[in-house]
Amino acid sequence: MTNAERRVTPNITKTEEPEKKEADFEVLRTPEISIREEREAQLLSFILKAKNPEWGDADAPLAIDVKNYFSENPLDSEVSEFLDEIRALQEGGVDEEVLYTLAFTYGHEERNLGAFEVIAKHKSYIENPRELQQKLFRILEKFAQSFSSSLLAKKLSTEIEKDKKAREEILDATKRKIEKLIAFFKPDSKTTKIRKISLMPSDPLNGVNTGSAFVFGAELVLKTHIDNPDNLEHEFSHSIINPIVEKLSQQLTAEQKEKISELANEKLKQDYGDEYFSLLCEEFIRTYNDVVKKGEKPQTYEAFVQKISSINEEQFQNFLKKSKSLQARCKELGITTIEELRDKSQEYFERFEKNKLRDLIFEIYQEYSNRPDKETENFERFVLAKFSTRI
């Protein structure tokens, strides 16, 4: 065989692709989502509004009807005295959140365990929650007896049915919003244990921006307005973020916790106080909802000036009328008109809008979004590894 006939087989080196890693945690599956009328929780709203006409939103659909109805049909003395007793006990932790938590258990014994676990964990100073539950049940039953046959109750039923129907029509869109949050945070199913979401119809006594979430074991009840899907996402996010912050708390020193409270802006502290845990949970959620989700950056002074430059006096006065927290902020700086706000914009921004905690959390979100190992690292692991070194 000649050299020309000799065939040379090249020495081929195989390049093997790196083995794809898999996460060693199970990402939360999309919970079952349903719309459920929560009659007793809704009755509680009417009782609170009847006791205090300033409660809730003055512009809500049934606000005027409620005011007129209870001016002619005052609350039963037993119901009224119960609320007086609750007001006296508020410093002991018996607040509206506790009352709603217990109201949601009426006719739902399966929620009892979760409700009492939450109260024991976060409101441990309540001496006898079961006794309080039974008192509340008695009040709700007594109120329902006189209220259920009224014209106002029929209007309430009509509003609820309209809302339920409208929510059914957008249920797929709601599910996609929840799925998008799950895809971003990749919550560990052992940390976020929610398997079922119950959407309460919009409370016709609350404003669009009012929302809350109640956890009963594996069930999450969301009380939000249908016209504010961002709020629904915010409240669902608590089921992801709060358990992560609980774990993070075990890593943080007393000095770091104090630093978190110092970094949070005054506007947030007006609503949530100085306690680091609530401030951190809220800022994680708000930074995602208000900034990251929209592809924006935290607000600068220049952006704030531009924002208020487009507000006229009538709009400003309406904002003042609807927001007690805005009233308090403006009162603190002696601001009564939009022109005065513009004149004191630097002072107002530095005092209430500047948010060093948000700046820090935004950086963490940016790094998380650009992390190299997106398959095996979720938000929980990223935050537990990174946050305490930044504070």
Protein backbone atom coordinates (compact mmCIF):
# COMPACT_ATOMS: atom_id res chain seq x y z
CA MET A 1 0.00 0.00 0.00
CA THR A 2 1.45 3.35 -1.00
CA ASN A 3 1.45 6.43 1.13
CA ALA A 4 -1.13 7.91 -1.21
CA GLU A 5 -3.41 4.98 -0.58
CA ARG A 6 -2.88 5.02 3.14
CA ARG A 7 -5.79 6.70 4.95
CA VAL A 8 -5.05 8.49 8.17
CA THR A 9 -7.78 8.59 10.78
CA PRO A 10 -7.57 11.89 12.65
CA ASN A 11 -7.34 11.80 16.41
CA ILE A 12 -10.73 13.23 17.37
CA THR A 13 -11.15 14.55 20.91
CA LYS A 14 -14.70 14.45 22.20
CA THR A 15 -15.89 17.47 24.12
CA GLU A 16 -18.53 16.46 26.64
CA GLU A 17 -21.12 18.99 27.72
CA PRO A 18 -21.06 19.69 31.44
CA GLU A 19 -23.64 17.72 33.33
CA LYS A 20 -26.72 19.80 33.88
CA LYS A 21 -27.36 20.36 37.56
CA GLU A 22 -30.79 19.96 39.01
CA ALA A 23 -32.21 21.86 41.94
CA ASP A 24 -32.35 19.85 45.15
CA PHE A 25 -35.62 21.53 46.13
CA GLU A 26 -39.10 21.33 44.67
CA VAL A 27 -40.44 24.60 43.30
CA LEU A 28 -43.93 25.40 44.53
CA ARG A 29 -46.59 24.25 42.11
CA THR A 30 -49.28 26.73 41.14
CA PRO A 31 -51.87 26.57 43.93
CA GLU A 32 -55.50 25.80 43.18
CA ILE A 33 -57.26 29.17 42.81
CA SER A 34 -60.97 29.67 43.53
CA ILE A 35 -63.37 32.49 44.35
CA ARG A 36 -65.15 32.09 47.65
CA GLU A 37 -67.67 34.35 49.30
CA GLU A 38 -66.62 34.96 52.89
CA ARG A 39 -69.91 36.07 54.42
CA GLU A 40 -68.76 36.53 58.03
CA ALA A 41 -65.64 38.49 57.08
CA GLN A 42 -67.86 40.76 54.97
CA LEU A 43 -70.32 41.18 57.86
CA LEU A 44 -67.40 42.20 60.06
CA SER A 45 -66.61 45.03 57.64
CA PHE A 46 -70.19 46.28 57.93
CA ILE A 47 -70.02 46.15 61.72
CA LEU A 48 -66.75 48.12 61.75
CA LYS A 49 -68.21 50.69 59.36
CA ALA A 50 -71.40 50.98 61.42
CA LYS A 51 -69.38 51.56 64.58
CA ASN A 52 -67.09 54.10 62.92
CA PRO A 53 -68.41 55.87 59.79
CA GLU A 54 -64.83 56.98 59.02
CA TRP A 55 -63.70 53.36 58.71
CA GLY A 56 -62.96 52.10 55.18
CA ASP A 57 -63.30 54.25 52.07
CA ALA A 58 -65.78 57.13 51.92
CA ASP A 59 -65.97 56.71 48.13
CA ALA A 60 -66.61 52.94 48.20
CA PRO A 61 -69.77 51.76 46.36
CA LEU A 62 -71.92 51.16 49.45
CA ALA A 63 -70.37 53.72 51.81
CA ILE A 64 -73.24 56.22 51.65
CA ASP A 65 -75.89 53.48 51.84
CA VAL A 66 -74.21 52.06 54.93
CA LYS A 67 -74.00 55.45 56.59
CA ASN A 68 -77.69 56.11 55.95
CA TYR A 69 -78.76 52.62 57.01
CA PHE A 70 -76.98 52.69 60.36
CA SER A 71 -78.08 56.22 61.14
CA GLU A 72 -81.61 54.77 61.16
CA ASN A 73 -80.69 51.30 62.45
CA PRO A 74 -77.97 51.66 65.11
CA LEU A 75 -75.89 48.68 66.09
CA ASP A 76 -77.31 46.40 68.74
CA SER A 77 -75.90 47.32 72.16
CA GLU A 78 -74.20 43.93 72.55
CA VAL A 79 -72.42 44.34 69.19
CA SER A 80 -71.39 47.91 69.98
CA GLU A 81 -70.13 46.99 73.46
CA PHE A 82 -68.07 44.15 72.00
CA LEU A 83 -66.27 46.59 69.71
CA ASP A 84 -65.71 48.96 72.64
CA GLU A 85 -64.14 46.06 74.49
CA ILE A 86 -61.93 45.26 71.51
CA ARG A 87 -60.81 48.88 71.26
CA ALA A 88 -59.79 48.74 74.91
CA LEU A 89 -57.83 45.55 74.23
CA GLN A 90 -56.03 46.78 71.12
CA GLU A 91 -52.81 47.45 73.02
CA GLY A 92 -52.91 43.76 73.91
CA GLY A 93 -52.84 42.76 70.28
CA VAL A 94 -56.55 42.35 69.57
CA ASP A 95 -56.79 44.31 66.35
CA GLU A 96 -58.77 44.12 63.11
CA GLU A 97 -56.36 41.57 61.66
CA VAL A 98 -57.13 39.18 64.52
CA LEU A 99 -60.88 39.74 64.15
CA TYR A 100 -60.79 39.01 60.42
CA THR A 101 -58.62 35.94 60.98
CA LEU A 102 -61.23 34.56 63.38
CA ALA A 103 -64.17 35.65 61.20
CA PHE A 104 -62.74 33.56 58.35
CA THR A 105 -63.00 30.47 60.58
CA TYR A 106 -66.77 30.76 60.99
CA GLY A 107 -68.22 27.65 59.35
CA HIS A 108 -64.69 26.54 58.41
CA GLU A 109 -63.35 24.34 61.18
CA GLU A 110 -60.55 23.25 58.84
CA ARG A 111 -59.11 26.77 59.22
CA ASN A 112 -59.01 26.69 63.03
CA LEU A 113 -55.61 25.09 63.40
CA GLY A 114 -53.96 27.53 61.01
CA ALA A 115 -55.70 30.53 62.57
CA PHE A 116 -54.64 29.69 66.11
CA GLU A 117 -51.11 28.90 64.96
CA VAL A 118 -50.83 32.37 63.39
CA ILE A 119 -52.23 34.04 66.51
CA ALA A 120 -49.93 32.05 68.80
CA LYS A 121 -46.94 32.97 66.66
CA HIS A 122 -47.61 36.66 66.01
CA LYS A 123 -50.14 37.63 68.68
CA SER A 124 -49.03 35.44 71.56
CA TYR A 125 -50.14 38.08 74.09
CA ILE A 126 -53.80 37.27 73.34
CA GLU A 127 -54.68 35.21 76.37
CA ASN A 128 -57.65 33.20 75.12
CA PRO A 129 -58.15 33.34 71.34
CA ARG A 130 -60.77 30.56 71.38
CA GLU A 131 -62.92 32.52 73.79
CA LEU A 132 -62.51 35.61 71.60
CA GLN A 133 -63.52 33.52 68.58
CA GLN A 134 -66.75 32.39 70.22
CA LYS A 135 -67.60 35.94 71.29
CA LEU A 136 -67.04 37.14 67.73
CA PHE A 137 -69.21 34.34 66.33
CA ARG A 138 -72.01 35.39 68.68
CA ILE A 139 -71.71 39.01 67.53
CA LEU A 140 -71.70 38.06 63.84
CA GLU A 141 -74.78 35.87 64.31
CA LYS A 142 -76.62 38.59 66.19
CA PHE A 143 -75.78 41.20 63.57
CA ALA A 144 -76.81 38.89 60.73
CA GLN A 145 -80.24 38.30 62.27
CA SER A 146 -81.22 41.95 61.98
CA PHE A 147 -79.24 42.79 58.86
CA SER A 148 -79.88 39.89 56.47
CA SER A 149 -83.45 40.92 55.52
CA SER A 150 -82.56 44.56 54.85
CA LEU A 151 -82.45 46.27 51.47
CA LEU A 152 -78.78 47.03 52.13
CA ALA A 153 -78.05 43.30 52.50
CA LYS A 154 -79.67 42.71 49.11
CA LYS A 155 -77.49 45.44 47.57
CA LEU A 156 -74.46 43.78 49.15
CA SER A 157 -75.44 40.44 47.64
CA THR A 158 -75.80 42.05 44.20
CA GLU A 159 -72.36 43.68 44.45
CA ILE A 160 -70.75 40.40 45.50
CA GLU A 161 -72.36 38.42 42.69
CA LYS A 162 -71.17 41.00 40.14
CA ASP A 163 -67.65 40.83 41.51
CA LYS A 164 -67.60 37.01 41.57
CA LYS A 165 -68.69 36.86 37.95
CA ALA A 166 -66.08 39.42 36.91
CA ARG A 167 -63.36 37.53 38.81
CA GLU A 168 -64.35 34.27 37.09
CA GLU A 169 -63.85 35.96 33.73
CA ILE A 170 -60.28 36.97 34.58
CA LEU A 171 -59.35 33.86 36.58
CA ASP A 172 -56.92 32.63 33.89
CA ALA A 173 -55.16 36.01 33.90
CA THR A 174 -54.95 35.88 37.70
CA LYS A 175 -53.43 32.41 37.51
CA ARG A 176 -50.80 33.65 35.04
CA LYS A 177 -49.82 36.46 37.43
CA ILE A 178 -49.32 33.96 40.25
CA GLU A 179 -47.33 31.67 37.93
CA LYS A 180 -45.09 34.57 36.90
CA LEU A 181 -44.24 35.28 40.54
CA ILE A 182 -43.50 31.61 41.15
CA ALA A 183 -41.27 31.51 38.04
CA PHE A 184 -39.28 34.52 39.28
CA PHE A 185 -38.83 33.60 42.94
CA LYS A 186 -38.86 29.78 42.53
CA PRO A 187 -40.20 29.33 46.08
CA ASP A 188 -39.30 26.07 47.79
CA SER A 189 -42.51 24.15 48.42
CA LYS A 190 -41.22 23.35 51.91
CA THR A 191 -40.89 27.05 52.71
CA THR A 192 -44.02 28.36 50.99
CA LYS A 193 -46.60 25.73 51.91
CA ILE A 194 -49.59 27.31 50.17
CA ARG A 195 -51.53 24.80 48.08
CA LYS A 196 -54.82 26.64 47.75
CA ILE A 197 -55.71 30.30 47.15
CA SER A 198 -59.20 31.53 47.98
CA LEU A 199 -60.10 34.92 46.48
CA MET A 200 -62.65 36.86 48.48
CA PRO A 201 -64.94 39.09 46.39
CA SER A 202 -64.05 42.80 46.63
CA ASP A 203 -65.22 44.35 49.87
CA PRO A 204 -67.58 47.16 48.73
CA LEU A 205 -66.61 49.17 51.82
CA ASN A 206 -62.90 49.20 51.05
CA GLY A 207 -60.93 51.25 48.57
CA VAL A 208 -59.07 49.91 45.55
CA ASN A 209 -55.71 50.04 47.35
CA THR A 210 -56.78 48.12 50.44
CA GLY A 211 -55.66 44.51 50.64
CA SER A 212 -54.69 41.77 53.09
CA ALA A 213 -53.75 38.10 53.17
CA PHE A 214 -54.65 35.42 55.71
CA VAL A 215 -52.85 32.08 56.00
CA PHE A 216 -54.66 29.00 57.27
CA GLY A 217 -52.15 26.21 56.95
CA ALA A 218 -51.98 25.36 53.24
CA GLU A 219 -54.78 27.81 52.34
CA LEU A 220 -54.21 31.49 51.57
CA VAL A 221 -57.25 33.79 51.66
CA LEU A 222 -56.74 37.03 49.71
CA LYS A 223 -58.91 40.05 50.45
CA THR A 224 -58.15 42.47 47.60
CA HIS A 225 -60.03 44.67 45.14
CA ILE A 226 -60.67 43.31 41.67
CA ASP A 227 -59.49 46.57 40.08
CA ASN A 228 -56.04 46.33 41.66
CA PRO A 229 -54.25 43.19 40.42
CA ASP A 230 -50.92 44.60 41.64
CA ASN A 231 -52.30 44.43 45.17
CA LEU A 232 -53.31 40.80 44.69
CA GLU A 233 -49.74 40.01 43.59
CA HIS A 234 -48.43 41.97 46.58
CA GLU A 235 -50.53 40.02 49.05
CA PHE A 236 -49.68 36.65 47.47
CA SER A 237 -46.00 37.58 47.60
CA HIS A 238 -46.18 37.70 51.39
CA SER A 239 -46.56 33.91 51.35
CA ILE A 240 -43.18 33.73 49.58
CA ILE A 241 -41.26 36.56 51.22
CA ASN A 242 -42.34 36.37 54.87
CA PRO A 243 -41.06 32.80 55.45
CA ILE A 244 -37.74 33.76 53.81
CA VAL A 245 -37.38 36.79 56.08
CA GLU A 246 -38.14 34.55 59.07
CA LYS A 247 -35.16 32.38 58.11
CA LEU A 248 -33.03 35.45 57.39
CA SER A 249 -33.85 36.82 60.85
CA GLN A 250 -31.92 33.95 62.40
CA GLN A 251 -28.76 35.16 60.64
CA LEU A 252 -29.08 38.85 61.49
CA THR A 253 -27.53 40.46 64.54
CA ALA A 254 -29.39 42.97 66.69
CA GLU A 255 -27.29 45.72 65.12
CA GLN A 256 -28.21 44.59 61.59
CA LYS A 257 -31.90 44.53 62.45
CA GLU A 258 -31.61 48.05 63.80
CA LYS A 259 -29.78 49.10 60.63
CA ILE A 260 -32.68 47.81 58.50
CA SER A 261 -35.07 50.06 60.42
CA GLU A 262 -32.70 53.01 59.96
CA LEU A 263 -32.44 52.44 56.19
CA ALA A 264 -36.20 52.19 55.61
CA ASN A 265 -37.83 55.43 54.55
CA GLU A 266 -40.17 57.40 56.76
CA LYS A 267 -43.18 56.88 54.51
CA LEU A 268 -42.99 53.13 55.04
CA LYS A 269 -42.44 53.54 58.77
CA GLN A 270 -45.55 55.70 59.04
CA ASP A 271 -47.59 52.67 57.99
CA TYR A 272 -45.59 49.83 59.57
CA GLY A 273 -43.71 51.29 62.51
CA ASP A 274 -40.02 50.77 63.22
CA GLU A 275 -40.00 46.98 63.59
CA TYR A 276 -37.47 45.59 61.11
CA PHE A 277 -39.35 42.41 60.16
CA SER A 278 -42.45 44.09 58.71
CA LEU A 279 -40.33 46.78 57.05
CA LEU A 280 -38.08 44.21 55.37
CA CYS A 281 -40.97 42.03 54.15
CA GLU A 282 -42.80 45.05 52.75
CA GLU A 283 -39.74 46.50 51.05
CA PHE A 284 -38.81 43.20 49.40
CA ILE A 285 -42.34 42.99 47.99
CA ARG A 286 -42.74 46.65 47.09
CA THR A 287 -39.37 46.85 45.39
CA TYR A 288 -40.30 43.91 43.20
CA ASN A 289 -43.87 45.09 42.53
CA ASP A 290 -43.15 48.79 42.04
CA VAL A 291 -39.74 48.66 40.39
CA VAL A 292 -38.35 45.29 39.25
CA LYS A 293 -41.55 44.00 37.65
CA LYS A 294 -41.85 47.20 35.63
CA GLY A 295 -38.22 47.19 34.51
CA GLU A 296 -37.56 50.48 36.27
CA LYS A 297 -35.10 51.80 38.84
CA PRO A 298 -35.76 53.24 42.31
CA GLN A 299 -37.11 56.79 42.27
CA THR A 300 -34.59 59.64 42.18
CA TYR A 301 -35.13 63.22 43.31
CA GLU A 302 -35.30 64.32 39.66
CA ALA A 303 -38.01 61.73 38.92
CA PHE A 304 -39.95 62.85 42.01
CA VAL A 305 -39.86 66.50 40.86
CA GLN A 306 -41.07 65.47 37.43
CA LYS A 307 -43.86 63.43 38.97
CA ILE A 308 -45.27 66.25 41.10
CA SER A 309 -44.86 68.80 38.31
CA SER A 310 -47.77 67.18 36.44
CA ILE A 311 -50.16 67.33 39.41
CA ASN A 312 -52.63 70.22 39.57
CA GLU A 313 -54.13 71.68 42.72
CA GLU A 314 -57.45 69.85 42.43
CA GLN A 315 -55.70 66.50 42.05
CA PHE A 316 -53.42 67.24 44.99
CA GLN A 317 -56.34 68.11 47.26
CA ASN A 318 -58.08 64.88 46.25
CA PHE A 319 -54.94 62.93 47.11
CA LEU A 320 -54.82 64.66 50.48
CA LYS A 321 -58.47 63.89 51.13
CA LYS A 322 -58.07 60.18 50.40
CA SER A 323 -54.73 59.53 52.11
CA LYS A 324 -54.34 60.05 55.85
CA SER A 325 -50.67 59.16 55.62
CA LEU A 326 -50.10 61.85 52.96
CA GLN A 327 -51.97 64.31 55.18
CA ALA A 328 -49.63 63.46 58.06
CA ARG A 329 -46.51 63.87 55.94
CA CYS A 330 -47.60 67.20 54.51
CA LYS A 331 -48.70 68.47 57.92
CA GLU A 332 -45.26 67.66 59.31
CA LEU A 333 -43.66 69.96 56.72
CA GLY A 334 -46.43 72.57 56.70
CA ILE A 335 -47.55 71.73 53.17
CA THR A 336 -51.14 72.52 52.20
CA THR A 337 -50.94 73.13 48.44
CA ILE A 338 -49.19 71.55 45.46
CA GLU A 339 -47.11 74.73 45.06
CA GLU A 340 -45.84 74.40 48.63
CA LEU A 341 -44.96 70.75 47.92
CA ARG A 342 -42.96 71.84 44.88
CA ASP A 343 -41.19 74.53 46.91
CA LYS A 344 -40.28 71.97 49.59
CA SER A 345 -39.72 69.08 47.19
CA GLN A 346 -36.09 68.51 48.24
CA GLU A 347 -36.99 68.45 51.93
CA TYR A 348 -40.02 66.22 51.30
CA PHE A 349 -37.99 63.79 49.17
CA GLU A 350 -35.17 63.51 51.70
CA ARG A 351 -37.62 63.03 54.56
CA PHE A 352 -40.17 60.66 53.06
CA GLU A 353 -39.26 59.39 49.60
CA LYS A 354 -35.54 58.66 49.73
CA ASN A 355 -35.23 54.97 50.41
CA LYS A 356 -31.80 53.48 51.14
CA LEU A 357 -33.33 50.11 52.01
CA ARG A 358 -34.97 49.96 48.58
CA ASP A 359 -31.67 50.84 46.90
CA LEU A 360 -30.01 47.93 48.69
CA ILE A 361 -32.80 45.47 47.89
CA PHE A 362 -32.89 46.61 44.26
CA GLU A 363 -29.19 45.75 43.93
CA ILE A 364 -29.92 42.28 45.31
CA TYR A 365 -32.75 41.82 42.82
CA GLN A 366 -30.44 42.85 39.97
CA GLU A 367 -27.82 40.34 41.03
CA TYR A 368 -30.44 37.65 41.50
CA SER A 369 -31.83 38.26 38.02
CA ASN A 370 -28.33 37.92 36.56
CA ARG A 371 -27.20 34.95 38.67
CA PRO A 372 -25.33 32.30 36.62
CA ASP A 373 -27.04 29.26 38.12
CA LYS A 374 -30.71 29.99 37.64
CA GLU A 375 -31.74 26.34 37.72
CA THR A 376 -30.42 25.44 41.15
CA GLU A 377 -30.56 28.74 43.07
CA ASN A 378 -33.86 30.30 44.04
CA PHE A 379 -34.56 33.63 45.72
CA GLU A 380 -34.55 32.09 49.18
CA ARG A 381 -31.05 30.63 48.84
CA PHE A 382 -29.72 33.74 47.13
CA VAL A 383 -30.99 36.07 49.85
CA LEU A 384 -29.82 33.84 52.69
CA ALA A 385 -26.35 33.75 51.12
CA LYS A 386 -26.06 37.44 50.23
CA PHE A 387 -28.19 39.74 52.35
CA SER A 388 -26.50 39.64 55.74
CA THR A 389 -23.13 40.56 54.20
CA ARG A 390 -24.63 43.77 52.76
CA ILE A 391 -26.30 45.23 55.80
